[in-house]
Amino acid sequence: MKMFKLSTLVLLTVPAMAAPAAAAPVVDPPPTLVARYNFDGGATAGKISDLSGRGSSLTVRGADNGTVAINTEGAGRYAAFPAVCPTTGTCGRALLEAPNDVDLNPGTRTFRWAASVRVTAAQLRGKANIMQKGLAGADSVWKLQLTGKIGRAQCAMTGKGSTESFAATSARPIADGNWHKIVCERNGTNLSISVDGVPGTRATIPATLSVDNAMPLRIGGPNFGASSDMYHGQLDDVYIQLG
């Protein structure tokens, strides 16, 4: 008679491995308003207050007896710049200026700058710089300008260590005597413009393009040089936003 040896089967319970925790989504910080001027408070001792709580007041600067007038329209106010100078003679020029500030140097970050403008073709003579920080050919710059006698709006940038400029241009001219809201935005490798919500052309820019300079913020012109691209129209609701 054969004998069979019974074996005992032992089942081992292995604890289940915990699934790795999902990485937390990267959430960009909300946009931050770093400067805003709507001129409704007028000018006090040649100063126009910032409404963002982060920026500096604008100082009215003039040359040849030029100044920036604060005019009333309806329930609000706006800034009016000196008239176009005739081909001969010396005329008043003026601009608004705020000191250099870290918030106005976006580096490579998402950045938006905007203004409401009203200008006619008769108020244009070549380019007109509406707002900017920095100068073309000098370190780096971001700016909003009008080009040519038909007055297309243009957002332009030049990065540190480069002389190559990039520009996005409005779909239509705006020199028609009506108010238009112009918005410029740099987001990654895109530089874009819109006028009254209508997009214009886009420019592809290097992701490394960085704007960081020691120049002041200037509104209405780059400086008081003999051939400076001064702005001669009206302006309202200027704002600058990071992120």
C-alpha atoms as a PDB file:
ATOM      1  CA  MET A   1       0.000   0.000   0.000  1.00  0.00           C
ATOM      2  CA  LYS A   2       1.452   3.395  -1.097  1.00  0.00           C
ATOM      3  CA  MET A   3       1.530   6.190   1.347  1.00  0.00           C
ATOM      4  CA  PHE A   4       0.947   9.801   0.100  1.00  0.00           C
ATOM      5  CA  LYS A   5       2.478  12.724   1.823  1.00  0.00           C
ATOM      6  CA  LEU A   6       0.146  15.634   2.190  1.00  0.00           C
ATOM      7  CA  SER A   7       1.619  19.093   1.622  1.00  0.00           C
ATOM      8  CA  THR A   8       0.202  22.215   3.103  1.00  0.00           C
ATOM      9  CA  LEU A   9      -0.277  25.107   0.678  1.00  0.00           C
ATOM     10  CA  VAL A  10       0.331  28.423   2.323  1.00  0.00           C
ATOM     11  CA  LEU A  11      -1.083  31.524   0.623  1.00  0.00           C
ATOM     12  CA  LEU A  12       0.789  34.706   1.316  1.00  0.00           C
ATOM     13  CA  THR A  13      -1.097  37.997   1.036  1.00  0.00           C
ATOM     14  CA  VAL A  14       1.072  40.757  -0.416  1.00  0.00           C
ATOM     15  CA  PRO A  15      -0.126  44.301   0.363  1.00  0.00           C
ATOM     16  CA  ALA A  16      -1.079  46.246  -2.768  1.00  0.00           C
ATOM     17  CA  MET A  17       1.389  48.922  -3.768  1.00  0.00           C
ATOM     18  CA  ALA A  18      -0.031  52.420  -3.408  1.00  0.00           C
ATOM     19  CA  ALA A  19      -0.371  54.274  -6.716  1.00  0.00           C
ATOM     20  CA  PRO A  20       2.058  57.176  -6.989  1.00  0.00           C
ATOM     21  CA  ALA A  21       0.423  60.484  -6.164  1.00  0.00           C
ATOM     22  CA  ALA A  22      -0.461  62.543  -9.218  1.00  0.00           C
ATOM     23  CA  ALA A  23       1.676  65.613  -9.672  1.00  0.00           C
ATOM     24  CA  ALA A  24      -0.085  68.795  -8.700  1.00  0.00           C
ATOM     25  CA  PRO A  25      -1.065  70.842 -11.762  1.00  0.00           C
ATOM     26  CA  VAL A  26       1.000  73.931 -12.380  1.00  0.00           C
ATOM     27  CA  VAL A  27      -1.241  76.926 -11.910  1.00  0.00           C
ATOM     28  CA  ASP A  28      -0.064  80.250 -13.245  1.00  0.00           C
ATOM     29  CA  PRO A  29      -0.601  83.153 -10.872  1.00  0.00           C
ATOM     30  CA  PRO A  30      -3.453  85.455 -11.825  1.00  0.00           C
ATOM     31  CA  PRO A  31      -2.587  88.562 -13.837  1.00  0.00           C
ATOM     32  CA  THR A  32      -1.500  91.498 -11.729  1.00  0.00           C
ATOM     33  CA  LEU A  33      -2.315  95.090 -12.589  1.00  0.00           C
ATOM     34  CA  VAL A  34       0.905  97.037 -11.985  1.00  0.00           C
ATOM     35  CA  ALA A  35      -0.028 100.496 -13.327  1.00  0.00           C
ATOM     36  CA  ARG A  36      -3.220 102.254 -14.412  1.00  0.00           C
ATOM     37  CA  TYR A  37      -4.079 105.842 -15.296  1.00  0.00           C
ATOM     38  CA  ASN A  38      -7.550 107.053 -16.342  1.00  0.00           C
ATOM     39  CA  PHE A  39      -6.993 110.811 -15.756  1.00  0.00           C
ATOM     40  CA  ASP A  40     -10.375 111.252 -14.031  1.00  0.00           C
ATOM     41  CA  GLY A  41      -8.616 112.688 -10.990  1.00  0.00           C
ATOM     42  CA  GLY A  42      -6.936 115.344 -13.113  1.00  0.00           C
ATOM     43  CA  ALA A  43      -3.393 116.545 -12.497  1.00  0.00           C
ATOM     44  CA  THR A  44      -2.243 117.856  -9.125  1.00  0.00           C
ATOM     45  CA  ALA A  45       0.990 119.856  -9.127  1.00  0.00           C
ATOM     46  CA  GLY A  46       1.857 118.285 -12.458  1.00  0.00           C
ATOM     47  CA  LYS A  47       1.255 114.725 -11.195  1.00  0.00           C
ATOM     48  CA  ILE A  48      -1.312 112.141 -12.344  1.00  0.00           C
ATOM     49  CA  SER A  49      -2.064 109.412  -9.816  1.00  0.00           C
ATOM     50  CA  ASP A  50      -1.695 105.694 -10.418  1.00  0.00           C
ATOM     51  CA  LEU A  51      -4.881 103.697  -9.695  1.00  0.00           C
ATOM     52  CA  SER A  52      -3.381 100.206  -9.403  1.00  0.00           C
ATOM     53  CA  GLY A  53      -1.822 100.743  -5.988  1.00  0.00           C
ATOM     54  CA  ARG A  54       1.508  99.429  -7.296  1.00  0.00           C
ATOM     55  CA  GLY A  55       2.704 102.008  -9.794  1.00  0.00           C
ATOM     56  CA  SER A  56       4.089 105.530  -9.526  1.00  0.00           C
ATOM     57  CA  SER A  57       2.419 108.799 -10.409  1.00  0.00           C
ATOM     58  CA  LEU A  58       2.991 110.227 -13.865  1.00  0.00           C
ATOM     59  CA  THR A  59       4.819 113.534 -14.093  1.00  0.00           C
ATOM     60  CA  VAL A  60       3.875 115.980 -16.842  1.00  0.00           C
ATOM     61  CA  ARG A  61       7.012 117.028 -18.725  1.00  0.00           C
ATOM     62  CA  GLY A  62       7.094 119.662 -21.429  1.00  0.00           C
ATOM     63  CA  ALA A  63       9.439 121.397 -23.831  1.00  0.00           C
ATOM     64  CA  ASP A  64       8.989 124.745 -25.597  1.00  0.00           C
ATOM     65  CA  ASN A  65       5.985 125.556 -23.385  1.00  0.00           C
ATOM     66  CA  GLY A  66       4.195 122.318 -24.263  1.00  0.00           C
ATOM     67  CA  THR A  67       1.943 120.597 -21.726  1.00  0.00           C
ATOM     68  CA  VAL A  68      -0.603 117.795 -21.439  1.00  0.00           C
ATOM     69  CA  ALA A  69      -4.163 119.054 -20.949  1.00  0.00           C
ATOM     70  CA  ILE A  70      -6.676 117.062 -18.923  1.00  0.00           C
ATOM     71  CA  ASN A  71     -10.041 117.546 -20.631  1.00  0.00           C
ATOM     72  CA  THR A  72     -13.545 116.537 -19.565  1.00  0.00           C
ATOM     73  CA  GLU A  73     -15.893 114.480 -21.705  1.00  0.00           C
ATOM     74  CA  GLY A  74     -19.151 113.179 -20.273  1.00  0.00           C
ATOM     75  CA  ALA A  75     -18.529 111.755 -16.805  1.00  0.00           C
ATOM     76  CA  GLY A  76     -14.805 111.194 -17.382  1.00  0.00           C
ATOM     77  CA  ARG A  77     -11.589 112.904 -18.335  1.00  0.00           C
ATOM     78  CA  TYR A  78      -8.771 112.211 -20.766  1.00  0.00           C
ATOM     79  CA  ALA A  79      -5.284 113.470 -21.613  1.00  0.00           C
ATOM     80  CA  ALA A  80      -4.741 115.657 -24.697  1.00  0.00           C
ATOM     81  CA  PHE A  81      -1.244 116.105 -26.121  1.00  0.00           C
ATOM     82  CA  PRO A  82       0.081 119.170 -27.991  1.00  0.00           C
ATOM     83  CA  ALA A  83      -0.868 119.701 -31.632  1.00  0.00           C
ATOM     84  CA  VAL A  84       1.266 118.672 -34.573  1.00  0.00           C
ATOM     85  CA  CYS A  85       3.996 121.184 -35.276  1.00  0.00           C
ATOM     86  CA  PRO A  86       4.024 122.785 -38.744  1.00  0.00           C
ATOM     87  CA  THR A  87       6.982 122.082 -40.970  1.00  0.00           C
ATOM     88  CA  THR A  88       8.733 125.244 -39.815  1.00  0.00           C
ATOM     89  CA  GLY A  89       9.035 126.835 -36.424  1.00  0.00           C
ATOM     90  CA  THR A  90       9.183 125.450 -32.893  1.00  0.00           C
ATOM     91  CA  CYS A  91       6.119 124.018 -31.182  1.00  0.00           C
ATOM     92  CA  GLY A  92       5.313 122.818 -27.707  1.00  0.00           C
ATOM     93  CA  ARG A  93       5.921 119.155 -26.951  1.00  0.00           C
ATOM     94  CA  ALA A  94       4.919 117.155 -23.911  1.00  0.00           C
ATOM     95  CA  LEU A  95       4.930 113.665 -22.464  1.00  0.00           C
ATOM     96  CA  LEU A  96       4.054 111.839 -19.250  1.00  0.00           C
ATOM     97  CA  GLU A  97       6.730 109.999 -17.308  1.00  0.00           C
ATOM     98  CA  ALA A  98       6.926 107.514 -14.416  1.00  0.00           C
ATOM     99  CA  PRO A  99      10.230 106.286 -12.941  1.00  0.00           C
ATOM    100  CA  ASN A 100      11.790 102.914 -13.644  1.00  0.00           C
ATOM    101  CA  ASP A 101      10.152 100.115 -11.664  1.00  0.00           C
ATOM    102  CA  VAL A 102      10.710  96.358 -11.467  1.00  0.00           C
ATOM    103  CA  ASP A 103       7.050  95.720 -12.354  1.00  0.00           C
ATOM    104  CA  LEU A 104       7.526  97.547 -15.651  1.00  0.00           C
ATOM    105  CA  ASN A 105      10.404  95.246 -16.629  1.00  0.00           C
ATOM    106  CA  PRO A 106       8.639  92.009 -17.602  1.00  0.00           C
ATOM    107  CA  GLY A 107      11.733  90.037 -18.593  1.00  0.00           C
ATOM    108  CA  THR A 108      10.315  86.980 -20.381  1.00  0.00           C
ATOM    109  CA  ARG A 109       7.020  86.914 -18.477  1.00  0.00           C
ATOM    110  CA  THR A 110       3.526  87.296 -19.900  1.00  0.00           C
ATOM    111  CA  PHE A 111       2.899  91.018 -20.170  1.00  0.00           C
ATOM    112  CA  ARG A 112       0.066  93.230 -21.385  1.00  0.00           C
ATOM    113  CA  TRP A 113      -0.016  96.977 -22.051  1.00  0.00           C
ATOM    114  CA  ALA A 114      -3.031  98.893 -23.306  1.00  0.00           C
ATOM    115  CA  ALA A 115      -4.582 102.307 -23.873  1.00  0.00           C
ATOM    116  CA  SER A 116      -7.646 103.959 -25.363  1.00  0.00           C
ATOM    117  CA  VAL A 117      -6.682 106.472 -28.039  1.00  0.00           C
ATOM    118  CA  ARG A 118      -8.395 109.019 -30.242  1.00  0.00           C
ATOM    119  CA  VAL A 119      -6.498 110.534 -33.142  1.00  0.00           C
ATOM    120  CA  THR A 120      -7.134 111.882 -36.622  1.00  0.00           C
ATOM    121  CA  ALA A 121      -5.012 111.563 -39.756  1.00  0.00           C
ATOM    122  CA  ALA A 122      -4.240 115.298 -39.495  1.00  0.00           C
ATOM    123  CA  GLN A 123      -2.617 114.647 -36.103  1.00  0.00           C
ATOM    124  CA  LEU A 124      -0.141 112.145 -37.551  1.00  0.00           C
ATOM    125  CA  ARG A 125       3.208 112.793 -39.126  1.00  0.00           C
ATOM    126  CA  GLY A 126       5.090 109.538 -39.495  1.00  0.00           C
ATOM    127  CA  LYS A 127       5.356 107.349 -36.400  1.00  0.00           C
ATOM    128  CA  ALA A 128       3.833 108.362 -33.076  1.00  0.00           C
ATOM    129  CA  ASN A 129       4.862 106.660 -29.839  1.00  0.00           C
ATOM    130  CA  ILE A 130       1.904 106.278 -27.497  1.00  0.00           C
ATOM    131  CA  MET A 131       3.619 104.473 -24.612  1.00  0.00           C
ATOM    132  CA  GLN A 132       6.916 102.717 -24.073  1.00  0.00           C
ATOM    133  CA  LYS A 133       9.666 101.666 -21.720  1.00  0.00           C
ATOM    134  CA  GLY A 134      13.097 101.735 -23.280  1.00  0.00           C
ATOM    135  CA  LEU A 135      14.362 102.979 -26.608  1.00  0.00           C
ATOM    136  CA  ALA A 136      14.928 101.141 -29.869  1.00  0.00           C
ATOM    137  CA  GLY A 137      18.621 100.393 -30.280  1.00  0.00           C
ATOM    138  CA  ALA A 138      19.318 100.956 -26.587  1.00  0.00           C
ATOM    139  CA  ASP A 139      19.223  97.756 -24.502  1.00  0.00           C
ATOM    140  CA  SER A 140      15.564  96.627 -24.778  1.00  0.00           C
ATOM    141  CA  VAL A 141      12.089  98.075 -25.260  1.00  0.00           C
ATOM    142  CA  TRP A 142       8.367  97.406 -25.290  1.00  0.00           C
ATOM    143  CA  LYS A 143       6.071 100.003 -26.840  1.00  0.00           C
ATOM    144  CA  LEU A 144       2.764 100.889 -28.475  1.00  0.00           C
ATOM    145  CA  GLN A 145       2.969 103.179 -31.499  1.00  0.00           C
ATOM    146  CA  LEU A 146       1.103 104.404 -34.551  1.00  0.00           C
ATOM    147  CA  THR A 147       2.706 104.018 -37.956  1.00  0.00           C
ATOM    148  CA  GLY A 148       2.381 106.067 -41.123  1.00  0.00           C
ATOM    149  CA  LYS A 149      -0.226 108.631 -42.094  1.00  0.00           C
ATOM    150  CA  ILE A 150      -3.067 106.095 -42.052  1.00  0.00           C
ATOM    151  CA  GLY A 151      -2.430 105.323 -38.402  1.00  0.00           C
ATOM    152  CA  ARG A 152      -2.231 101.588 -37.921  1.00  0.00           C
ATOM    153  CA  ALA A 153      -1.528 100.645 -34.309  1.00  0.00           C
ATOM    154  CA  GLN A 154       1.558  98.566 -33.634  1.00  0.00           C
ATOM    155  CA  CYS A 155       2.941  96.705 -30.617  1.00  0.00           C
ATOM    156  CA  ALA A 156       6.718  96.328 -30.739  1.00  0.00           C
ATOM    157  CA  MET A 157       9.443  94.649 -28.675  1.00  0.00           C
ATOM    158  CA  THR A 158      13.221  94.362 -28.796  1.00  0.00           C
ATOM    159  CA  GLY A 159      15.021  92.102 -26.318  1.00  0.00           C
ATOM    160  CA  LYS A 160      18.177  92.602 -24.297  1.00  0.00           C
ATOM    161  CA  GLY A 161      21.365  91.921 -26.199  1.00  0.00           C
ATOM    162  CA  SER A 162      19.648  92.104 -29.592  1.00  0.00           C
ATOM    163  CA  THR A 163      18.885  94.696 -32.235  1.00  0.00           C
ATOM    164  CA  GLU A 164      16.128  92.634 -33.866  1.00  0.00           C
ATOM    165  CA  SER A 165      12.678  94.195 -33.434  1.00  0.00           C
ATOM    166  CA  PHE A 166       9.358  92.352 -33.561  1.00  0.00           C
ATOM    167  CA  ALA A 167       5.981  93.975 -34.217  1.00  0.00           C
ATOM    168  CA  ALA A 168       2.290  93.069 -34.371  1.00  0.00           C
ATOM    169  CA  THR A 169       0.076  95.448 -36.385  1.00  0.00           C
ATOM    170  CA  SER A 170      -3.630  96.273 -36.204  1.00  0.00           C
ATOM    171  CA  ALA A 171      -5.964  94.935 -38.887  1.00  0.00           C
ATOM    172  CA  ARG A 172      -7.279  98.428 -39.684  1.00  0.00           C
ATOM    173  CA  PRO A 173      -6.143 102.052 -39.371  1.00  0.00           C
ATOM    174  CA  ILE A 174      -7.464 103.866 -36.319  1.00  0.00           C
ATOM    175  CA  ALA A 175      -6.887 107.535 -37.261  1.00  0.00           C
ATOM    176  CA  ASP A 176     -10.595 108.270 -37.703  1.00  0.00           C
ATOM    177  CA  GLY A 177     -11.325 110.610 -34.779  1.00  0.00           C
ATOM    178  CA  ASN A 178     -13.044 107.890 -32.719  1.00  0.00           C
ATOM    179  CA  TRP A 179     -11.959 106.248 -29.469  1.00  0.00           C
ATOM    180  CA  HIS A 180     -10.279 102.858 -29.882  1.00  0.00           C
ATOM    181  CA  LYS A 181      -8.990 100.464 -27.229  1.00  0.00           C
ATOM    182  CA  ILE A 182      -5.617  98.964 -28.183  1.00  0.00           C
ATOM    183  CA  VAL A 183      -4.247  95.959 -26.293  1.00  0.00           C
ATOM    184  CA  CYS A 184      -0.727  94.565 -26.731  1.00  0.00           C
ATOM    185  CA  GLU A 185       0.278  91.214 -25.240  1.00  0.00           C
ATOM    186  CA  ARG A 186       3.430  89.147 -25.047  1.00  0.00           C
ATOM    187  CA  ASN A 187       2.717  85.529 -24.097  1.00  0.00           C
ATOM    188  CA  GLY A 188       5.537  83.052 -24.519  1.00  0.00           C
ATOM    189  CA  THR A 189       6.617  83.224 -28.147  1.00  0.00           C
ATOM    190  CA  ASN A 190       3.586  85.260 -29.280  1.00  0.00           C
ATOM    191  CA  LEU A 191       3.345  89.031 -29.596  1.00  0.00           C
ATOM    192  CA  SER A 192      -0.213  90.106 -30.433  1.00  0.00           C
ATOM    193  CA  ILE A 193      -2.387  93.179 -30.824  1.00  0.00           C
ATOM    194  CA  SER A 194      -6.120  93.810 -30.789  1.00  0.00           C
ATOM    195  CA  VAL A 195      -8.141  96.950 -31.441  1.00  0.00           C
ATOM    196  CA  ASP A 196     -11.648  97.053 -29.981  1.00  0.00           C
ATOM    197  CA  GLY A 197     -11.377  93.276 -29.602  1.00  0.00           C
ATOM    198  CA  VAL A 198     -10.429  92.673 -33.251  1.00  0.00           C
ATOM    199  CA  PRO A 199      -7.076  90.840 -33.529  1.00  0.00           C
ATOM    200  CA  GLY A 200      -4.378  92.048 -35.875  1.00  0.00           C
ATOM    201  CA  THR A 201      -1.248  90.305 -37.047  1.00  0.00           C
ATOM    202  CA  ARG A 202       0.859  88.212 -34.682  1.00  0.00           C
ATOM    203  CA  ALA A 203       4.619  88.071 -34.436  1.00  0.00           C
ATOM    204  CA  THR A 204       6.595  85.037 -33.319  1.00  0.00           C
ATOM    205  CA  ILE A 205       9.316  86.084 -30.902  1.00  0.00           C
ATOM    206  CA  PRO A 206      12.070  84.106 -29.154  1.00  0.00           C
ATOM    207  CA  ALA A 207      11.002  82.567 -25.841  1.00  0.00           C
ATOM    208  CA  THR A 208      14.181  84.078 -24.406  1.00  0.00           C
ATOM    209  CA  LEU A 209      13.357  87.641 -25.496  1.00  0.00           C
ATOM    210  CA  SER A 210      13.689  89.706 -22.332  1.00  0.00           C
ATOM    211  CA  VAL A 211      12.818  93.362 -21.749  1.00  0.00           C
ATOM    212  CA  ASP A 212      14.588  94.793 -18.721  1.00  0.00           C
ATOM    213  CA  ASN A 213      16.027  98.310 -18.764  1.00  0.00           C
ATOM    214  CA  ALA A 214      16.603 101.285 -16.486  1.00  0.00           C
ATOM    215  CA  MET A 215      14.542 103.719 -18.565  1.00  0.00           C
ATOM    216  CA  PRO A 216      11.381 105.420 -17.242  1.00  0.00           C
ATOM    217  CA  LEU A 217       7.892 104.688 -18.533  1.00  0.00           C
ATOM    218  CA  ARG A 218       7.032 107.389 -21.069  1.00  0.00           C
ATOM    219  CA  ILE A 219       3.614 108.141 -22.514  1.00  0.00           C
ATOM    220  CA  GLY A 220       3.171 110.474 -25.480  1.00  0.00           C
ATOM    221  CA  GLY A 221       6.697 110.332 -26.856  1.00  0.00           C
ATOM    222  CA  PRO A 222      10.161 108.782 -26.407  1.00  0.00           C
ATOM    223  CA  ASN A 223      12.001 112.010 -25.491  1.00  0.00           C
ATOM    224  CA  PHE A 224      12.319 115.646 -26.629  1.00  0.00           C
ATOM    225  CA  GLY A 225      14.743 115.077 -29.495  1.00  0.00           C
ATOM    226  CA  ALA A 226      14.351 117.154 -32.640  1.00  0.00           C
ATOM    227  CA  SER A 227      12.963 114.192 -34.590  1.00  0.00           C
ATOM    228  CA  SER A 228      11.200 112.304 -31.781  1.00  0.00           C
ATOM    229  CA  ASP A 229       8.027 110.395 -32.632  1.00  0.00           C
ATOM    230  CA  MET A 230       5.629 112.448 -30.507  1.00  0.00           C
ATOM    231  CA  TYR A 231       1.962 111.580 -30.103  1.00  0.00           C
ATOM    232  CA  HIS A 232      -0.502 114.412 -30.809  1.00  0.00           C
ATOM    233  CA  GLY A 233      -3.912 112.860 -30.095  1.00  0.00           C
ATOM    234  CA  GLN A 234      -5.948 112.089 -26.989  1.00  0.00           C
ATOM    235  CA  LEU A 235      -5.435 109.242 -24.528  1.00  0.00           C
ATOM    236  CA  ASP A 236      -7.376 107.487 -21.779  1.00  0.00           C
ATOM    237  CA  ASP A 237      -7.367 104.361 -19.572  1.00  0.00           C
ATOM    238  CA  VAL A 238      -3.710 103.388 -19.824  1.00  0.00           C
ATOM    239  CA  TYR A 239      -2.862 100.169 -18.009  1.00  0.00           C
ATOM    240  CA  ILE A 240      -0.022  97.663 -17.648  1.00  0.00           C
ATOM    241  CA  GLN A 241      -0.459  94.090 -16.436  1.00  0.00           C
ATOM    242  CA  LEU A 242       1.927  91.269 -15.536  1.00  0.00           C
ATOM    243  CA  GLY A 243       0.976  87.614 -15.948  1.00  0.00           C
END
